[in-house]
PDB file of N, CA and C in Angstrom:
ATOM      1  N   MET A   1      75.703  49.596  27.247  1.00  0.00           N
ATOM      2  CA  MET A   1      74.529  48.894  27.145  1.00  0.00           C
ATOM      3  C   MET A   1      73.479  49.057  28.348  1.00  0.00           C
ATOM      4  N   ARG A   2      73.862  49.220  29.430  1.00  0.00           N
ATOM      5  CA  ARG A   2      73.113  49.258  30.732  1.00  0.00           C
ATOM      6  C   ARG A   2      72.224  50.542  30.442  1.00  0.00           C
ATOM      7  N   THR A   3      72.988  51.673  30.062  1.00  0.00           N
ATOM      8  CA  THR A   3      72.306  52.915  29.591  1.00  0.00           C
ATOM      9  C   THR A   3      71.218  52.998  28.685  1.00  0.00           C
ATOM     10  N   GLN A   4      71.522  52.289  27.729  1.00  0.00           N
ATOM     11  CA  GLN A   4      70.574  51.741  26.556  1.00  0.00           C
ATOM     12  C   GLN A   4      69.111  51.323  27.046  1.00  0.00           C
ATOM     13  N   ASN A   5      69.640  50.202  27.878  1.00  0.00           N
ATOM     14  CA  ASN A   5      68.414  49.390  28.281  1.00  0.00           C
ATOM     15  C   ASN A   5      67.460  50.453  29.296  1.00  0.00           C
ATOM     16  N   GLU A   6      68.268  51.237  29.946  1.00  0.00           N
ATOM     17  CA  GLU A   6      67.709  52.223  30.822  1.00  0.00           C
ATOM     18  C   GLU A   6      66.509  53.038  30.352  1.00  0.00           C
ATOM     19  N   LEU A   7      67.077  53.477  29.051  1.00  0.00           N
ATOM     20  CA  LEU A   7      66.344  54.629  28.298  1.00  0.00           C
ATOM     21  C   LEU A   7      65.113  53.848  27.754  1.00  0.00           C
ATOM     22  N   TYR A   8      65.416  52.743  27.070  1.00  0.00           N
ATOM     23  CA  TYR A   8      64.066  51.851  26.566  1.00  0.00           C
ATOM     24  C   TYR A   8      63.253  51.638  27.587  1.00  0.00           C
ATOM     25  N   ARG A   9      63.566  51.324  28.641  1.00  0.00           N
ATOM     26  CA  ARG A   9      62.647  51.010  29.850  1.00  0.00           C
ATOM     27  C   ARG A   9      61.707  52.088  29.886  1.00  0.00           C
ATOM     28  N   LEU A  10      62.677  53.540  30.152  1.00  0.00           N
ATOM     29  CA  LEU A  10      61.742  54.554  30.510  1.00  0.00           C
ATOM     30  C   LEU A  10      60.837  54.942  29.114  1.00  0.00           C
ATOM     31  N   VAL A  11      61.085  54.541  28.099  1.00  0.00           N
ATOM     32  CA  VAL A  11      59.991  55.057  26.983  1.00  0.00           C
ATOM     33  C   VAL A  11      59.221  53.589  26.511  1.00  0.00           C
ATOM     34  N   GLN A  12      59.229  52.551  27.590  1.00  0.00           N
ATOM     35  CA  GLN A  12      58.207  51.311  27.501  1.00  0.00           C
ATOM     36  C   GLN A  12      58.923  50.784  25.823  1.00  0.00           C
ATOM     37  N   GLY A  13      60.022  50.751  25.701  1.00  0.00           N
ATOM     38  CA  GLY A  13      60.413  50.015  24.409  1.00  0.00           C
ATOM     39  C   GLY A  13      60.224  50.892  22.989  1.00  0.00           C
ATOM     40  N   ASP A  14      59.636  52.001  23.258  1.00  0.00           N
ATOM     41  CA  ASP A  14      59.416  52.619  21.852  1.00  0.00           C
ATOM     42  C   ASP A  14      60.797  53.105  21.323  1.00  0.00           C
ATOM     43  N   ARG A  15      61.113  52.046  20.107  1.00  0.00           N
ATOM     44  CA  ARG A  15      62.623  52.341  19.489  1.00  0.00           C
ATOM     45  C   ARG A  15      62.299  53.825  18.753  1.00  0.00           C
ATOM     46  N   ARG A  16      61.267  54.228  18.441  1.00  0.00           N
ATOM     47  CA  ARG A  16      61.172  55.479  17.507  1.00  0.00           C
ATOM     48  C   ARG A  16      61.307  56.620  18.554  1.00  0.00           C
ATOM     49  N   THR A  17      60.766  56.562  19.853  1.00  0.00           N
ATOM     50  CA  THR A  17      61.136  57.795  20.637  1.00  0.00           C
ATOM     51  C   THR A  17      62.440  57.985  21.217  1.00  0.00           C
ATOM     52  N   VAL A  18      63.211  56.625  21.307  1.00  0.00           N
ATOM     53  CA  VAL A  18      64.714  56.549  21.636  1.00  0.00           C
ATOM     54  C   VAL A  18      65.504  57.247  20.528  1.00  0.00           C
ATOM     55  N   GLU A  19      65.318  56.991  19.664  1.00  0.00           N
ATOM     56  CA  GLU A  19      65.885  57.347  18.273  1.00  0.00           C
ATOM     57  C   GLU A  19      65.780  58.779  18.030  1.00  0.00           C
ATOM     58  N   ARG A  20      64.465  59.393  18.338  1.00  0.00           N
ATOM     59  CA  ARG A  20      64.203  60.917  18.241  1.00  0.00           C
ATOM     60  C   ARG A  20      64.942  61.665  19.628  1.00  0.00           C
ATOM     61  N   LEU A  21      64.756  60.995  20.475  1.00  0.00           N
ATOM     62  CA  LEU A  21      65.493  61.726  21.823  1.00  0.00           C
ATOM     63  C   LEU A  21      67.217  61.856  21.476  1.00  0.00           C
ATOM     64  N   ILE A  22      67.690  60.429  21.023  1.00  0.00           N
ATOM     65  CA  ILE A  22      69.236  60.460  21.086  1.00  0.00           C
ATOM     66  C   ILE A  22      69.468  61.579  19.720  1.00  0.00           C
ATOM     67  N   LYS A  23      68.810  61.604  18.591  1.00  0.00           N
ATOM     68  CA  LYS A  23      69.154  62.232  17.537  1.00  0.00           C
ATOM     69  C   LYS A  23      69.332  63.764  18.173  1.00  0.00           C
ATOM     70  N   HIS A  24      68.334  63.826  18.698  1.00  0.00           N
ATOM     71  CA  HIS A  24      67.992  65.633  19.271  1.00  0.00           C
ATOM     72  C   HIS A  24      69.162  65.614  20.174  1.00  0.00           C
ATOM     73  N   GLY A  25      69.770  64.725  21.079  1.00  0.00           N
ATOM     74  CA  GLY A  25      70.800  64.848  21.789  1.00  0.00           C
ATOM     75  C   GLY A  25      72.175  65.301  21.392  1.00  0.00           C
ATOM     76  N   ARG A  26      72.320  64.253  20.014  1.00  0.00           N
ATOM     77  CA  ARG A  26      73.375  64.391  19.193  1.00  0.00           C
ATOM     78  C   ARG A  26      73.378  65.739  18.687  1.00  0.00           C
ATOM     79  N   GLU A  27      72.417  66.409  18.161  1.00  0.00           N
ATOM     80  CA  GLU A  27      72.468  67.627  17.410  1.00  0.00           C
ATOM     81  C   GLU A  27      72.395  68.617  18.511  1.00  0.00           C
ATOM     82  N   ARG A  28      72.075  68.671  19.653  1.00  0.00           N
ATOM     83  CA  ARG A  28      72.280  69.913  20.559  1.00  0.00           C
ATOM     84  C   ARG A  28      73.545  69.616  21.118  1.00  0.00           C
ATOM     85  N   TYR A  29      74.240  68.612  21.311  1.00  0.00           N
ATOM     86  CA  TYR A  29      75.626  68.444  22.022  1.00  0.00           C
ATOM     87  C   TYR A  29      76.481  67.754  21.085  1.00  0.00           C
ATOM     88  N   PRO A  30      76.635  68.282  19.893  1.00  0.00           N
ATOM     89  CA  PRO A  30      77.425  67.439  18.918  1.00  0.00           C
ATOM     90  C   PRO A  30      79.026  67.195  19.280  1.00  0.00           C
ATOM     91  N   ASP A  31      79.622  67.778  20.319  1.00  0.00           N
ATOM     92  CA  ASP A  31      80.789  67.675  20.939  1.00  0.00           C
ATOM     93  C   ASP A  31      80.997  66.602  21.845  1.00  0.00           C
ATOM     94  N   LYS A  32      79.993  66.359  22.419  1.00  0.00           N
ATOM     95  CA  LYS A  32      79.954  65.313  23.617  1.00  0.00           C
ATOM     96  C   LYS A  32      79.754  63.710  23.051  1.00  0.00           C
ATOM     97  N   PRO A  33      80.520  62.875  24.173  1.00  0.00           N
ATOM     98  CA  PRO A  33      80.563  61.670  23.843  1.00  0.00           C
ATOM     99  C   PRO A  33      79.219  61.103  23.808  1.00  0.00           C
ATOM    100  N   GLU A  34      79.011  59.738  22.997  1.00  0.00           N
ATOM    101  CA  GLU A  34      77.736  59.153  23.030  1.00  0.00           C
ATOM    102  C   GLU A  34      77.273  58.581  24.112  1.00  0.00           C
ATOM    103  N   GLN A  35      77.883  58.058  25.266  1.00  0.00           N
ATOM    104  CA  GLN A  35      77.383  57.988  26.477  1.00  0.00           C
ATOM    105  C   GLN A  35      77.118  58.991  27.375  1.00  0.00           C
ATOM    106  N   TRP A  36      77.562  59.948  27.210  1.00  0.00           N
ATOM    107  CA  TRP A  36      77.206  61.343  27.801  1.00  0.00           C
ATOM    108  C   TRP A  36      75.883  61.599  27.438  1.00  0.00           C
ATOM    109  N   ILE A  37      75.630  61.650  25.862  1.00  0.00           N
ATOM    110  CA  ILE A  37      74.463  61.894  25.410  1.00  0.00           C
ATOM    111  C   ILE A  37      73.144  61.069  26.119  1.00  0.00           C
ATOM    112  N   TRP A  38      73.532  59.659  25.839  1.00  0.00           N
ATOM    113  CA  TRP A  38      72.468  58.617  26.573  1.00  0.00           C
ATOM    114  C   TRP A  38      72.234  59.103  27.976  1.00  0.00           C
ATOM    115  N   GLU A  39      72.996  59.591  28.850  1.00  0.00           N
ATOM    116  CA  GLU A  39      73.001  59.601  30.051  1.00  0.00           C
ATOM    117  C   GLU A  39      72.131  60.988  30.341  1.00  0.00           C
ATOM    118  N   LYS A  40      72.567  62.039  29.565  1.00  0.00           N
ATOM    119  CA  LYS A  40      71.805  63.294  29.806  1.00  0.00           C
ATOM    120  C   LYS A  40      70.355  63.182  28.897  1.00  0.00           C
ATOM    121  N   VAL A  41      69.987  62.357  28.044  1.00  0.00           N
ATOM    122  CA  VAL A  41      68.688  62.231  27.980  1.00  0.00           C
ATOM    123  C   VAL A  41      67.960  61.510  28.789  1.00  0.00           C
ATOM    124  N   ILE A  42      68.468  60.414  29.333  1.00  0.00           N
ATOM    125  CA  ILE A  42      67.896  59.955  30.496  1.00  0.00           C
ATOM    126  C   ILE A  42      67.634  60.949  31.689  1.00  0.00           C
ATOM    127  N   ALA A  43      68.779  61.570  32.063  1.00  0.00           N
ATOM    128  CA  ALA A  43      68.525  62.609  33.346  1.00  0.00           C
ATOM    129  C   ALA A  43      67.416  63.416  33.138  1.00  0.00           C
ATOM    130  N   ASP A  44      67.169  63.889  31.556  1.00  0.00           N
ATOM    131  CA  ASP A  44      66.208  65.275  31.402  1.00  0.00           C
ATOM    132  C   ASP A  44      64.799  64.321  31.394  1.00  0.00           C
ATOM    133  N   LEU A  45      64.683  63.145  31.044  1.00  0.00           N
ATOM    134  CA  LEU A  45      63.412  62.452  30.874  1.00  0.00           C
ATOM    135  C   LEU A  45      62.969  62.176  32.479  1.00  0.00           C
ATOM    136  N   GLU A  46      63.888  61.722  33.349  1.00  0.00           N
ATOM    137  CA  GLU A  46      63.526  61.579  34.788  1.00  0.00           C
ATOM    138  C   GLU A  46      63.138  62.726  35.373  1.00  0.00           C
ATOM    139  N   ARG A  47      63.848  64.137  35.113  1.00  0.00           N
ATOM    140  CA  ARG A  47      63.670  65.308  35.421  1.00  0.00           C
ATOM    141  C   ARG A  47      62.333  65.891  34.919  1.00  0.00           C
ATOM    142  N   ASP A  48      61.872  65.670  33.812  1.00  0.00           N
ATOM    143  CA  ASP A  48      60.698  66.030  33.252  1.00  0.00           C
ATOM    144  C   ASP A  48      59.466  65.393  33.892  1.00  0.00           C
ATOM    145  N   ARG A  49      59.822  64.082  34.221  1.00  0.00           N
ATOM    146  CA  ARG A  49      58.865  63.123  34.635  1.00  0.00           C
ATOM    147  C   ARG A  49      58.662  63.364  36.027  1.00  0.00           C
ATOM    148  N   GLY A  50      59.476  64.116  36.911  1.00  0.00           N
ATOM    149  CA  GLY A  50      59.400  64.508  38.305  1.00  0.00           C
ATOM    150  C   GLY A  50      59.964  62.989  39.160  1.00  0.00           C
ATOM    151  N   TYR A  51      60.692  62.095  38.440  1.00  0.00           N
ATOM    152  CA  TYR A  51      61.572  60.882  39.230  1.00  0.00           C
ATOM    153  C   TYR A  51      62.652  61.441  40.027  1.00  0.00           C
ATOM    154  N   ARG A  52      63.283  62.683  39.697  1.00  0.00           N
ATOM    155  CA  ARG A  52      63.981  63.027  40.799  1.00  0.00           C
ATOM    156  C   ARG A  52      63.699  64.473  41.510  1.00  0.00           C
TER     157      ARG A  52
END
């Protein structure tokens, strides 16, 4: 749940954006667990925004 809250925070609560990012993650990494996908989406978003 903490991971989900973090992603929602990063996209300023935009549910459609979260759904799109997670859907893309599921399609790209179908064999990975759900938690891993959420963490990967967050890491990629932070990387792309220059947070890390």
